[in-house]
Amino acid sequence: MGNYLEATKGKLCESAMPEWAKGVALKCVAHNNLAEMPFAVGKYYDHFFSSMTLANIGGLTTSSVNGTFNRDKSASPAKTKKTEAKRKQMGGAGDAVTASDPVRSAIHALSSVRSG
């Protein structure tokens, strides 16, 4: 770290950087969002679905983060105005969210752990 500190007069400290490198450094954003996102999504699912097993939370998290669940719907045009309105309302939601009411009801009846 000593090479990067002003206090130690390091060769890579800010005062020793050329002007072009300072300009590039100002445009860089240091973040860890892509590495931390699966943990945040998994924590959310664990809080929301407290009785779900860790294996299922892991699978749901993986499919949500890598884009399996949130597929781009722009490739397939909507057949009706109602479907188009639902897609706009839901944004980039997946098939489980944008499915027809009978399909969603059947999925809920078969897989819901909550009694309503």
PDB file of N, CA and C in Angstrom:
ATOM      1  N   MET A   1       0.817  -1.201   0.000  1.00  0.00           N
ATOM      2  CA  MET A   1       0.000   0.000   0.000  1.00  0.00           C
ATOM      3  C   MET A   1       0.852   1.251   0.000  1.00  0.00           C
ATOM      4  N   GLY A   2       2.070   1.125   0.475  1.00  0.00           N
ATOM      5  CA  GLY A   2       2.930   2.294   0.573  1.00  0.00           C
ATOM      6  C   GLY A   2       3.141   2.985  -0.762  1.00  0.00           C
ATOM      7  N   ASN A   3       3.094   2.261  -1.847  1.00  0.00           N
ATOM      8  CA  ASN A   3       3.281   2.852  -3.171  1.00  0.00           C
ATOM      9  C   ASN A   3       2.130   3.771  -3.566  1.00  0.00           C
ATOM     10  N   TYR A   4       0.950   3.611  -2.938  1.00  0.00           N
ATOM     11  CA  TYR A   4      -0.232   4.381  -3.311  1.00  0.00           C
ATOM     12  C   TYR A   4      -0.516   5.553  -2.373  1.00  0.00           C
ATOM     13  N   LEU A   5       0.235   5.684  -1.293  1.00  0.00           N
ATOM     14  CA  LEU A   5      -0.060   6.704  -0.283  1.00  0.00           C
ATOM     15  C   LEU A   5       0.757   7.969  -0.498  1.00  0.00           C
ATOM     16  N   GLU A   6       0.106   9.127  -0.291  1.00  0.00           N
ATOM     17  CA  GLU A   6       0.797  10.414  -0.362  1.00  0.00           C
ATOM     18  C   GLU A   6       1.784  10.552   0.794  1.00  0.00           C
ATOM     19  N   ALA A   7       1.406  10.054   1.974  1.00  0.00           N
ATOM     20  CA  ALA A   7       2.242  10.210   3.173  1.00  0.00           C
ATOM     21  C   ALA A   7       3.598   9.545   3.009  1.00  0.00           C
ATOM     22  N   THR A   8       3.653   8.457   2.272  1.00  0.00           N
ATOM     23  CA  THR A   8       4.927   7.766   2.073  1.00  0.00           C
ATOM     24  C   THR A   8       5.602   8.173   0.768  1.00  0.00           C
ATOM     25  N   LYS A   9       5.006   9.159   0.077  1.00  0.00           N
ATOM     26  CA  LYS A   9       5.529   9.630  -1.221  1.00  0.00           C
ATOM     27  C   LYS A   9       5.723   8.458  -2.185  1.00  0.00           C
ATOM     28  N   GLY A  10       4.675   7.636  -2.271  1.00  0.00           N
ATOM     29  CA  GLY A  10       4.720   6.461  -3.127  1.00  0.00           C
ATOM     30  C   GLY A  10       4.774   6.821  -4.602  1.00  0.00           C
ATOM     31  N   LYS A  11       5.345   5.943  -5.386  1.00  0.00           N
ATOM     32  CA  LYS A  11       5.496   6.212  -6.818  1.00  0.00           C
ATOM     33  C   LYS A  11       4.158   6.150  -7.560  1.00  0.00           C
ATOM     34  N   LEU A  12       3.124   5.574  -6.954  1.00  0.00           N
ATOM     35  CA  LEU A  12       1.810   5.499  -7.583  1.00  0.00           C
ATOM     36  C   LEU A  12       0.772   6.392  -6.896  1.00  0.00           C
ATOM     37  N   CYS A  13       1.214   7.331  -6.058  1.00  0.00           N
ATOM     38  CA  CYS A  13       0.270   8.202  -5.359  1.00  0.00           C
ATOM     39  C   CYS A  13      -0.329   9.218  -6.348  1.00  0.00           C
ATOM     40  N   GLU A  14      -1.364   9.923  -5.918  1.00  0.00           N
ATOM     41  CA  GLU A  14      -2.095  10.819  -6.811  1.00  0.00           C
ATOM     42  C   GLU A  14      -1.227  11.944  -7.376  1.00  0.00           C
ATOM     43  N   SER A  15      -0.349  12.499  -6.560  1.00  0.00           N
ATOM     44  CA  SER A  15       0.483  13.596  -7.054  1.00  0.00           C
ATOM     45  C   SER A  15       1.477  13.132  -8.113  1.00  0.00           C
ATOM     46  N   ALA A  16       1.810  11.857  -8.147  1.00  0.00           N
ATOM     47  CA  ALA A  16       2.752  11.342  -9.136  1.00  0.00           C
ATOM     48  C   ALA A  16       2.063  10.859 -10.414  1.00  0.00           C
ATOM     49  N   MET A  17       0.732  10.860 -10.413  1.00  0.00           N
ATOM     50  CA  MET A  17       0.001  10.377 -11.593  1.00  0.00           C
ATOM     51  C   MET A  17       0.025  11.413 -12.710  1.00  0.00           C
ATOM     52  N   PRO A  18       0.151  10.991 -13.967  1.00  0.00           N
ATOM     53  CA  PRO A  18       0.023  11.941 -15.072  1.00  0.00           C
ATOM     54  C   PRO A  18      -1.427  12.419 -15.190  1.00  0.00           C
ATOM     55  N   GLU A  19      -1.635  13.536 -15.852  1.00  0.00           N
ATOM     56  CA  GLU A  19      -2.967  14.136 -15.960  1.00  0.00           C
ATOM     57  C   GLU A  19      -3.966  13.209 -16.653  1.00  0.00           C
ATOM     58  N   TRP A  20      -3.530  12.491 -17.683  1.00  0.00           N
ATOM     59  CA  TRP A  20      -4.464  11.602 -18.373  1.00  0.00           C
ATOM     60  C   TRP A  20      -4.957  10.488 -17.443  1.00  0.00           C
ATOM     61  N   ALA A  21      -4.073   9.995 -16.561  1.00  0.00           N
ATOM     62  CA  ALA A  21      -4.457   8.932 -15.638  1.00  0.00           C
ATOM     63  C   ALA A  21      -5.435   9.460 -14.586  1.00  0.00           C
ATOM     64  N   LYS A  22      -5.268  10.714 -14.166  1.00  0.00           N
ATOM     65  CA  LYS A  22      -6.207  11.310 -13.209  1.00  0.00           C
ATOM     66  C   LYS A  22      -7.590  11.436 -13.840  1.00  0.00           C
ATOM     67  N   GLY A  23      -7.640  11.804 -15.121  1.00  0.00           N
ATOM     68  CA  GLY A  23      -8.915  11.917 -15.814  1.00  0.00           C
ATOM     69  C   GLY A  23      -9.626  10.580 -15.933  1.00  0.00           C
ATOM     70  N   VAL A  24      -8.866   9.533 -16.208  1.00  0.00           N
ATOM     71  CA  VAL A  24      -9.451   8.193 -16.306  1.00  0.00           C
ATOM     72  C   VAL A  24      -9.908   7.724 -14.927  1.00  0.00           C
ATOM     73  N   ALA A  25      -9.125   7.998 -13.905  1.00  0.00           N
ATOM     74  CA  ALA A  25      -9.460   7.547 -12.550  1.00  0.00           C
ATOM     75  C   ALA A  25     -10.750   8.198 -12.055  1.00  0.00           C
ATOM     76  N   LEU A  26     -11.019   9.429 -12.463  1.00  0.00           N
ATOM     77  CA  LEU A  26     -12.247  10.102 -12.036  1.00  0.00           C
ATOM     78  C   LEU A  26     -13.490   9.443 -12.623  1.00  0.00           C
ATOM     79  N   LYS A  27     -13.355   8.812 -13.779  1.00  0.00           N
ATOM     80  CA  LYS A  27     -14.497   8.150 -14.431  1.00  0.00           C
ATOM     81  C   LYS A  27     -14.731   6.734 -13.912  1.00  0.00           C
ATOM     82  N   CYS A  28     -13.778   6.187 -13.187  1.00  0.00           N
ATOM     83  CA  CYS A  28     -13.908   4.827 -12.668  1.00  0.00           C
ATOM     84  C   CYS A  28     -14.737   4.835 -11.386  1.00  0.00           C
ATOM     85  N   VAL A  29     -15.575   3.838 -11.259  1.00  0.00           N
ATOM     86  CA  VAL A  29     -16.380   3.671 -10.062  1.00  0.00           C
ATOM     87  C   VAL A  29     -16.034   2.313  -9.466  1.00  0.00           C
ATOM     88  N   ALA A  30     -15.577   2.347  -8.232  1.00  0.00           N
ATOM     89  CA  ALA A  30     -15.253   1.093  -7.559  1.00  0.00           C
ATOM     90  C   ALA A  30     -16.492   0.590  -6.832  1.00  0.00           C
ATOM     91  N   HIS A  31     -16.958  -0.564  -7.220  1.00  0.00           N
ATOM     92  CA  HIS A  31     -18.102  -1.155  -6.536  1.00  0.00           C
ATOM     93  C   HIS A  31     -17.999  -2.668  -6.599  1.00  0.00           C
ATOM     94  N   ASN A  32     -18.792  -3.303  -5.786  1.00  0.00           N
ATOM     95  CA  ASN A  32     -18.776  -4.745  -5.710  1.00  0.00           C
ATOM     96  C   ASN A  32     -20.196  -5.281  -5.895  1.00  0.00           C
ATOM     97  N   ASN A  33     -21.015  -4.561  -6.650  1.00  0.00           N
ATOM     98  CA  ASN A  33     -22.421  -4.907  -6.776  1.00  0.00           C
ATOM     99  C   ASN A  33     -22.649  -6.292  -7.364  1.00  0.00           C
ATOM    100  N   LEU A  34     -21.913  -6.644  -8.408  1.00  0.00           N
ATOM    101  CA  LEU A  34     -22.138  -7.934  -9.063  1.00  0.00           C
ATOM    102  C   LEU A  34     -21.770  -9.099  -8.157  1.00  0.00           C
ATOM    103  N   ALA A  35     -20.754  -8.912  -7.336  1.00  0.00           N
ATOM    104  CA  ALA A  35     -20.360  -9.989  -6.432  1.00  0.00           C
ATOM    105  C   ALA A  35     -21.300 -10.089  -5.237  1.00  0.00           C
ATOM    106  N   GLU A  36     -21.854  -8.973  -4.788  1.00  0.00           N
ATOM    107  CA  GLU A  36     -22.704  -8.969  -3.600  1.00  0.00           C
ATOM    108  C   GLU A  36     -24.183  -9.205  -3.910  1.00  0.00           C
ATOM    109  N   MET A  37     -24.596  -9.031  -5.152  1.00  0.00           N
ATOM    110  CA  MET A  37     -26.011  -9.136  -5.490  1.00  0.00           C
ATOM    111  C   MET A  37     -26.631 -10.486  -5.130  1.00  0.00           C
ATOM    112  N   PRO A  38     -25.984 -11.622  -5.431  1.00  0.00           N
ATOM    113  CA  PRO A  38     -26.620 -12.894  -5.065  1.00  0.00           C
ATOM    114  C   PRO A  38     -26.877 -13.024  -3.566  1.00  0.00           C
ATOM    115  N   PHE A  39     -25.986 -12.502  -2.740  1.00  0.00           N
ATOM    116  CA  PHE A  39     -26.190 -12.585  -1.298  1.00  0.00           C
ATOM    117  C   PHE A  39     -27.380 -11.741  -0.866  1.00  0.00           C
ATOM    118  N   ALA A  40     -27.512 -10.558  -1.447  1.00  0.00           N
ATOM    119  CA  ALA A  40     -28.637  -9.696  -1.097  1.00  0.00           C
ATOM    120  C   ALA A  40     -29.962 -10.304  -1.556  1.00  0.00           C
ATOM    121  N   VAL A  41     -29.980 -10.862  -2.752  1.00  0.00           N
ATOM    122  CA  VAL A  41     -31.203 -11.487  -3.269  1.00  0.00           C
ATOM    123  C   VAL A  41     -31.557 -12.710  -2.430  1.00  0.00           C
ATOM    124  N   GLY A  42     -30.565 -13.524  -2.087  1.00  0.00           N
ATOM    125  CA  GLY A  42     -30.805 -14.693  -1.245  1.00  0.00           C
ATOM    126  C   GLY A  42     -31.317 -14.313   0.132  1.00  0.00           C
ATOM    127  N   LYS A  43     -30.767 -13.256   0.702  1.00  0.00           N
ATOM    128  CA  LYS A  43     -31.226 -12.782   2.011  1.00  0.00           C
ATOM    129  C   LYS A  43     -32.665 -12.298   1.925  1.00  0.00           C
ATOM    130  N   TYR A  44     -33.002 -11.619   0.841  1.00  0.00           N
ATOM    131  CA  TYR A  44     -34.381 -11.158   0.642  1.00  0.00           C
ATOM    132  C   TYR A  44     -35.339 -12.343   0.547  1.00  0.00           C
ATOM    133  N   TYR A  45     -34.979 -13.342  -0.266  1.00  0.00           N
ATOM    134  CA  TYR A  45     -35.836 -14.514  -0.405  1.00  0.00           C
ATOM    135  C   TYR A  45     -35.960 -15.272   0.921  1.00  0.00           C
ATOM    136  N   ASP A  46     -34.861 -15.346   1.680  1.00  0.00           N
ATOM    137  CA  ASP A  46     -34.909 -16.026   2.975  1.00  0.00           C
ATOM    138  C   ASP A  46     -35.856 -15.303   3.933  1.00  0.00           C
ATOM    139  N   HIS A  47     -35.848 -13.984   3.874  1.00  0.00           N
ATOM    140  CA  HIS A  47     -36.756 -13.204   4.730  1.00  0.00           C
ATOM    141  C   HIS A  47     -38.204 -13.351   4.262  1.00  0.00           C
ATOM    142  N   PHE A  48     -38.401 -13.314   2.961  1.00  0.00           N
ATOM    143  CA  PHE A  48     -39.754 -13.345   2.404  1.00  0.00           C
ATOM    144  C   PHE A  48     -40.360 -14.743   2.481  1.00  0.00           C
ATOM    145  N   PHE A  49     -39.576 -15.763   2.189  1.00  0.00           N
ATOM    146  CA  PHE A  49     -40.030 -17.159   2.231  1.00  0.00           C
ATOM    147  C   PHE A  49     -39.268 -17.882   3.337  1.00  0.00           C
ATOM    148  N   SER A  50     -39.637 -17.633   4.568  1.00  0.00           N
ATOM    149  CA  SER A  50     -38.851 -18.138   5.701  1.00  0.00           C
ATOM    150  C   SER A  50     -38.861 -19.661   5.814  1.00  0.00           C
ATOM    151  N   SER A  51     -39.868 -20.335   5.287  1.00  0.00           N
ATOM    152  CA  SER A  51     -39.919 -21.791   5.403  1.00  0.00           C
ATOM    153  C   SER A  51     -39.283 -22.509   4.214  1.00  0.00           C
ATOM    154  N   MET A  52     -38.779 -21.781   3.229  1.00  0.00           N
ATOM    155  CA  MET A  52     -38.168 -22.405   2.054  1.00  0.00           C
ATOM    156  C   MET A  52     -36.782 -22.935   2.412  1.00  0.00           C
ATOM    157  N   THR A  53     -36.423 -24.078   1.845  1.00  0.00           N
ATOM    158  CA  THR A  53     -35.112 -24.658   2.134  1.00  0.00           C
ATOM    159  C   THR A  53     -34.008 -23.826   1.483  1.00  0.00           C
ATOM    160  N   LEU A  54     -32.808 -23.963   2.034  1.00  0.00           N
ATOM    161  CA  LEU A  54     -31.674 -23.209   1.518  1.00  0.00           C
ATOM    162  C   LEU A  54     -31.362 -23.601   0.072  1.00  0.00           C
ATOM    163  N   ALA A  55     -31.556 -24.852  -0.279  1.00  0.00           N
ATOM    164  CA  ALA A  55     -31.310 -25.297  -1.670  1.00  0.00           C
ATOM    165  C   ALA A  55     -32.265 -24.606  -2.637  1.00  0.00           C
ATOM    166  N   ASN A  56     -33.533 -24.493  -2.259  1.00  0.00           N
ATOM    167  CA  ASN A  56     -34.490 -23.813  -3.132  1.00  0.00           C
ATOM    168  C   ASN A  56     -34.212 -22.316  -3.204  1.00  0.00           C
ATOM    169  N   ILE A  57     -33.829 -21.717  -2.078  1.00  0.00           N
ATOM    170  CA  ILE A  57     -33.465 -20.289  -2.092  1.00  0.00           C
ATOM    171  C   ILE A  57     -32.265 -20.079  -3.003  1.00  0.00           C
ATOM    172  N   GLY A  58     -31.292 -20.986  -2.940  1.00  0.00           N
ATOM    173  CA  GLY A  58     -30.119 -20.877  -3.810  1.00  0.00           C
ATOM    174  C   GLY A  58     -30.485 -20.969  -5.275  1.00  0.00           C
ATOM    175  N   GLY A  59     -31.367 -21.906  -5.612  1.00  0.00           N
ATOM    176  CA  GLY A  59     -31.795 -22.030  -7.011  1.00  0.00           C
ATOM    177  C   GLY A  59     -32.570 -20.831  -7.485  1.00  0.00           C
ATOM    178  N   LEU A  60     -33.459 -20.332  -6.650  1.00  0.00           N
ATOM    179  CA  LEU A  60     -34.245 -19.152  -6.999  1.00  0.00           C
ATOM    180  C   LEU A  60     -33.357 -17.927  -7.144  1.00  0.00           C
ATOM    181  N   THR A  61     -32.393 -17.799  -6.245  1.00  0.00           N
ATOM    182  CA  THR A  61     -31.451 -16.680  -6.316  1.00  0.00           C
ATOM    183  C   THR A  61     -30.629 -16.746  -7.590  1.00  0.00           C
ATOM    184  N   THR A  62     -30.114 -17.931  -7.905  1.00  0.00           N
ATOM    185  CA  THR A  62     -29.299 -18.090  -9.112  1.00  0.00           C
ATOM    186  C   THR A  62     -30.089 -17.753 -10.362  1.00  0.00           C
ATOM    187  N   SER A  63     -31.311 -18.250 -10.453  1.00  0.00           N
ATOM    188  CA  SER A  63     -32.105 -17.981 -11.649  1.00  0.00           C
ATOM    189  C   SER A  63     -32.524 -16.521 -11.731  1.00  0.00           C
ATOM    190  N   SER A  64     -32.707 -15.867 -10.600  1.00  0.00           N
ATOM    191  CA  SER A  64     -33.059 -14.437 -10.629  1.00  0.00           C
ATOM    192  C   SER A  64     -31.872 -13.587 -11.036  1.00  0.00           C
ATOM    193  N   VAL A  65     -30.702 -13.882 -10.489  1.00  0.00           N
ATOM    194  CA  VAL A  65     -29.521 -13.059 -10.742  1.00  0.00           C
ATOM    195  C   VAL A  65     -28.966 -13.269 -12.144  1.00  0.00           C
ATOM    196  N   ASN A  66     -28.946 -14.518 -12.627  1.00  0.00           N
ATOM    197  CA  ASN A  66     -28.333 -14.747 -13.937  1.00  0.00           C
ATOM    198  C   ASN A  66     -29.277 -14.458 -15.107  1.00  0.00           C
ATOM    199  N   GLY A  67     -30.545 -14.120 -14.807  1.00  0.00           N
ATOM    200  CA  GLY A  67     -31.455 -13.694 -15.858  1.00  0.00           C
ATOM    201  C   GLY A  67     -32.380 -14.774 -16.382  1.00  0.00           C
ATOM    202  N   THR A  68     -32.320 -15.983 -15.826  1.00  0.00           N
ATOM    203  CA  THR A  68     -33.218 -17.035 -16.277  1.00  0.00           C
ATOM    204  C   THR A  68     -34.661 -16.669 -15.996  1.00  0.00           C
ATOM    205  N   PHE A  69     -34.912 -16.135 -14.811  1.00  0.00           N
ATOM    206  CA  PHE A  69     -36.280 -15.793 -14.418  1.00  0.00           C
ATOM    207  C   PHE A  69     -36.760 -14.535 -15.131  1.00  0.00           C
ATOM    208  N   ASN A  70     -35.933 -13.526 -15.230  1.00  0.00           N
ATOM    209  CA  ASN A  70     -36.311 -12.254 -15.851  1.00  0.00           C
ATOM    210  C   ASN A  70     -35.872 -12.227 -17.304  1.00  0.00           C
ATOM    211  N   ARG A  71     -36.572 -12.973 -18.127  1.00  0.00           N
ATOM    212  CA  ARG A  71     -36.220 -13.005 -19.543  1.00  0.00           C
ATOM    213  C   ARG A  71     -36.746 -11.766 -20.243  1.00  0.00           C
ATOM    214  N   ASP A  72     -36.074 -11.387 -21.315  1.00  0.00           N
ATOM    215  CA  ASP A  72     -36.486 -10.224 -22.104  1.00  0.00           C
ATOM    216  C   ASP A  72     -37.689 -10.602 -22.946  1.00  0.00           C
ATOM    217  N   LYS A  73     -38.789  -9.910 -22.749  1.00  0.00           N
ATOM    218  CA  LYS A  73     -40.026 -10.226 -23.466  1.00  0.00           C
ATOM    219  C   LYS A  73     -40.151  -9.468 -24.790  1.00  0.00           C
ATOM    220  N   SER A  74     -39.189  -8.603 -25.091  1.00  0.00           N
ATOM    221  CA  SER A  74     -39.319  -7.794 -26.300  1.00  0.00           C
ATOM    222  C   SER A  74     -39.189  -8.642 -27.575  1.00  0.00           C
ATOM    223  N   ALA A  75     -38.584  -9.814 -27.464  1.00  0.00           N
ATOM    224  CA  ALA A  75     -38.401 -10.653 -28.653  1.00  0.00           C
ATOM    225  C   ALA A  75     -39.721 -11.248 -29.136  1.00  0.00           C
ATOM    226  N   SER A  76     -40.629 -11.550 -28.216  1.00  0.00           N
ATOM    227  CA  SER A  76     -41.914 -12.118 -28.612  1.00  0.00           C
ATOM    228  C   SER A  76     -43.006 -11.073 -28.422  1.00  0.00           C
ATOM    229  N   PRO A  77     -43.641 -10.636 -29.512  1.00  0.00           N
ATOM    230  CA  PRO A  77     -44.670  -9.599 -29.376  1.00  0.00           C
ATOM    231  C   PRO A  77     -45.906 -10.122 -28.646  1.00  0.00           C
ATOM    232  N   ALA A  78     -46.564  -9.235 -27.935  1.00  0.00           N
ATOM    233  CA  ALA A  78     -47.774  -9.613 -27.203  1.00  0.00           C
ATOM    234  C   ALA A  78     -48.909  -9.855 -28.188  1.00  0.00           C
ATOM    235  N   LYS A  79     -49.761 -10.832 -27.869  1.00  0.00           N
ATOM    236  CA  LYS A  79     -50.864 -11.175 -28.763  1.00  0.00           C
ATOM    237  C   LYS A  79     -52.069 -10.266 -28.546  1.00  0.00           C
ATOM    238  N   THR A  80     -52.218  -9.726 -27.344  1.00  0.00           N
ATOM    239  CA  THR A  80     -53.372  -8.864 -27.057  1.00  0.00           C
ATOM    240  C   THR A  80     -52.912  -7.584 -26.386  1.00  0.00           C
ATOM    241  N   LYS A  81     -53.795  -6.596 -26.372  1.00  0.00           N
ATOM    242  CA  LYS A  81     -53.472  -5.339 -25.701  1.00  0.00           C
ATOM    243  C   LYS A  81     -53.380  -5.524 -24.197  1.00  0.00           C
ATOM    244  N   LYS A  82     -54.179  -6.450 -23.662  1.00  0.00           N
ATOM    245  CA  LYS A  82     -54.152  -6.721 -22.233  1.00  0.00           C
ATOM    246  C   LYS A  82     -52.781  -7.287 -21.817  1.00  0.00           C
ATOM    247  N   THR A  83     -52.249  -8.200 -22.629  1.00  0.00           N
ATOM    248  CA  THR A  83     -50.942  -8.776 -22.334  1.00  0.00           C
ATOM    249  C   THR A  83     -49.860  -7.723 -22.438  1.00  0.00           C
ATOM    250  N   GLU A  84     -49.954  -6.866 -23.430  1.00  0.00           N
ATOM    251  CA  GLU A  84     -48.970  -5.802 -23.595  1.00  0.00           C
ATOM    252  C   GLU A  84     -48.999  -4.855 -22.401  1.00  0.00           C
ATOM    253  N   ALA A  85     -50.199  -4.512 -21.937  1.00  0.00           N
ATOM    254  CA  ALA A  85     -50.320  -3.626 -20.771  1.00  0.00           C
ATOM    255  C   ALA A  85     -49.741  -4.288 -19.528  1.00  0.00           C
ATOM    256  N   LYS A  86     -49.973  -5.606 -19.387  1.00  0.00           N
ATOM    257  CA  LYS A  86     -49.449  -6.333 -18.233  1.00  0.00           C
ATOM    258  C   LYS A  86     -47.929  -6.360 -18.267  1.00  0.00           C
ATOM    259  N   ARG A  87     -47.350  -6.536 -19.443  1.00  0.00           N
ATOM    260  CA  ARG A  87     -45.889  -6.546 -19.562  1.00  0.00           C
ATOM    261  C   ARG A  87     -45.299  -5.191 -19.216  1.00  0.00           C
ATOM    262  N   LYS A  88     -45.956  -4.132 -19.655  1.00  0.00           N
ATOM    263  CA  LYS A  88     -45.455  -2.795 -19.321  1.00  0.00           C
ATOM    264  C   LYS A  88     -45.533  -2.546 -17.834  1.00  0.00           C
ATOM    265  N   GLN A  89     -46.593  -3.009 -17.222  1.00  0.00           N
ATOM    266  CA  GLN A  89     -46.779  -2.812 -15.795  1.00  0.00           C
ATOM    267  C   GLN A  89     -45.748  -3.604 -14.997  1.00  0.00           C
ATOM    268  N   MET A  90     -45.467  -4.825 -15.409  1.00  0.00           N
ATOM    269  CA  MET A  90     -44.549  -5.689 -14.683  1.00  0.00           C
ATOM    270  C   MET A  90     -43.089  -5.408 -15.015  1.00  0.00           C
ATOM    271  N   GLY A  91     -42.816  -4.668 -16.042  1.00  0.00           N
ATOM    272  CA  GLY A  91     -41.435  -4.426 -16.436  1.00  0.00           C
ATOM    273  C   GLY A  91     -40.853  -5.659 -17.088  1.00  0.00           C
ATOM    274  N   GLY A  92     -39.685  -6.122 -16.626  1.00  0.00           N
ATOM    275  CA  GLY A  92     -39.030  -7.294 -17.184  1.00  0.00           C
ATOM    276  C   GLY A  92     -39.346  -8.549 -16.412  1.00  0.00           C
ATOM    277  N   ALA A  93     -40.568  -8.706 -15.965  1.00  0.00           N
ATOM    278  CA  ALA A  93     -40.911  -9.859 -15.131  1.00  0.00           C
ATOM    279  C   ALA A  93     -40.855 -11.147 -15.927  1.00  0.00           C
ATOM    280  N   GLY A  94     -40.719 -12.245 -15.215  1.00  0.00           N
ATOM    281  CA  GLY A  94     -40.622 -13.550 -15.845  1.00  0.00           C
ATOM    282  C   GLY A  94     -41.974 -14.168 -16.104  1.00  0.00           C
ATOM    283  N   ASP A  95     -41.960 -15.385 -16.624  1.00  0.00           N
ATOM    284  CA  ASP A  95     -43.182 -16.088 -17.000  1.00  0.00           C
ATOM    285  C   ASP A  95     -44.096 -16.364 -15.813  1.00  0.00           C
ATOM    286  N   ALA A  96     -43.532 -16.612 -14.650  1.00  0.00           N
ATOM    287  CA  ALA A  96     -44.359 -16.925 -13.490  1.00  0.00           C
ATOM    288  C   ALA A  96     -45.211 -15.724 -13.077  1.00  0.00           C
ATOM    289  N   VAL A  97     -44.748 -14.533 -13.354  1.00  0.00           N
ATOM    290  CA  VAL A  97     -45.491 -13.329 -12.977  1.00  0.00           C
ATOM    291  C   VAL A  97     -46.478 -12.932 -14.064  1.00  0.00           C
ATOM    292  N   THR A  98     -46.099 -13.107 -15.312  1.00  0.00           N
ATOM    293  CA  THR A  98     -46.941 -12.645 -16.416  1.00  0.00           C
ATOM    294  C   THR A  98     -47.848 -13.737 -16.975  1.00  0.00           C
ATOM    295  N   ALA A  99     -47.894 -14.903 -16.354  1.00  0.00           N
ATOM    296  CA  ALA A  99     -48.746 -15.991 -16.838  1.00  0.00           C
ATOM    297  C   ALA A  99     -50.218 -15.636 -16.652  1.00  0.00           C
ATOM    298  N   SER A 100     -51.071 -16.364 -17.343  1.00  0.00           N
ATOM    299  CA  SER A 100     -52.507 -16.115 -17.227  1.00  0.00           C
ATOM    300  C   SER A 100     -52.992 -16.493 -15.832  1.00  0.00           C
ATOM    301  N   ASP A 101     -54.155 -15.970 -15.455  1.00  0.00           N
ATOM    302  CA  ASP A 101     -54.691 -16.211 -14.112  1.00  0.00           C
ATOM    303  C   ASP A 101     -54.894 -17.689 -13.786  1.00  0.00           C
ATOM    304  N   PRO A 102     -55.450 -18.514 -14.688  1.00  0.00           N
ATOM    305  CA  PRO A 102     -55.604 -19.935 -14.348  1.00  0.00           C
ATOM    306  C   PRO A 102     -54.266 -20.642 -14.089  1.00  0.00           C
ATOM    307  N   VAL A 103     -53.247 -20.279 -14.853  1.00  0.00           N
ATOM    308  CA  VAL A 103     -51.936 -20.898 -14.667  1.00  0.00           C
ATOM    309  C   VAL A 103     -51.350 -20.487 -13.325  1.00  0.00           C
ATOM    310  N   ARG A 104     -51.433 -19.192 -13.005  1.00  0.00           N
ATOM    311  CA  ARG A 104     -50.913 -18.721 -11.721  1.00  0.00           C
ATOM    312  C   ARG A 104     -51.666 -19.354 -10.558  1.00  0.00           C
ATOM    313  N   SER A 105     -52.978 -19.505 -10.681  1.00  0.00           N
ATOM    314  CA  SER A 105     -53.764 -20.133  -9.615  1.00  0.00           C
ATOM    315  C   SER A 105     -53.358 -21.594  -9.418  1.00  0.00           C
ATOM    316  N   ALA A 106     -53.125 -22.297 -10.520  1.00  0.00           N
ATOM    317  CA  ALA A 106     -52.710 -23.701 -10.422  1.00  0.00           C
ATOM    318  C   ALA A 106     -51.332 -23.814  -9.776  1.00  0.00           C
ATOM    319  N   ILE A 107     -50.409 -22.936 -10.164  1.00  0.00           N
ATOM    320  CA  ILE A 107     -49.070 -22.959  -9.566  1.00  0.00           C
ATOM    321  C   ILE A 107     -49.157 -22.659  -8.077  1.00  0.00           C
ATOM    322  N   HIS A 108     -49.975 -21.687  -7.720  1.00  0.00           N
ATOM    323  CA  HIS A 108     -50.127 -21.331  -6.313  1.00  0.00           C
ATOM    324  C   HIS A 108     -50.717 -22.493  -5.518  1.00  0.00           C
ATOM    325  N   ALA A 109     -51.712 -23.148  -6.066  1.00  0.00           N
ATOM    326  CA  ALA A 109     -52.356 -24.265  -5.364  1.00  0.00           C
ATOM    327  C   ALA A 109     -51.390 -25.434  -5.173  1.00  0.00           C
ATOM    328  N   LEU A 110     -50.500 -25.653  -6.145  1.00  0.00           N
ATOM    329  CA  LEU A 110     -49.586 -26.788  -6.072  1.00  0.00           C
ATOM    330  C   LEU A 110     -48.344 -26.517  -5.254  1.00  0.00           C
ATOM    331  N   SER A 111     -47.893 -25.265  -5.200  1.00  0.00           N
ATOM    332  CA  SER A 111     -46.589 -25.016  -4.591  1.00  0.00           C
ATOM    333  C   SER A 111     -46.611 -24.072  -3.398  1.00  0.00           C
ATOM    334  N   SER A 112     -47.726 -23.530  -3.043  1.00  0.00           N
ATOM    335  CA  SER A 112     -47.752 -22.576  -1.946  1.00  0.00           C
ATOM    336  C   SER A 112     -47.638 -23.296  -0.604  1.00  0.00           C
ATOM    337  N   VAL A 113     -46.809 -22.745   0.275  1.00  0.00           N
ATOM    338  CA  VAL A 113     -46.685 -23.316   1.614  1.00  0.00           C
ATOM    339  C   VAL A 113     -47.554 -22.570   2.619  1.00  0.00           C
ATOM    340  N   ARG A 114     -48.118 -21.478   2.188  1.00  0.00           N
ATOM    341  CA  ARG A 114     -48.984 -20.699   3.059  1.00  0.00           C
ATOM    342  C   ARG A 114     -50.430 -21.094   2.847  1.00  0.00           C
ATOM    343  N   SER A 115     -51.191 -21.131   3.902  1.00  0.00           N
ATOM    344  CA  SER A 115     -52.612 -21.417   3.757  1.00  0.00           C
ATOM    345  C   SER A 115     -53.362 -20.100   3.778  1.00  0.00           C
ATOM    346  N   GLY A 116     -54.214 -19.896   2.820  1.00  0.00           N
ATOM    347  CA  GLY A 116     -54.852 -18.601   2.698  1.00  0.00           C
ATOM    348  C   GLY A 116     -56.268 -18.688   3.011  1.00  0.00           C
TER     349      GLY A 116
END
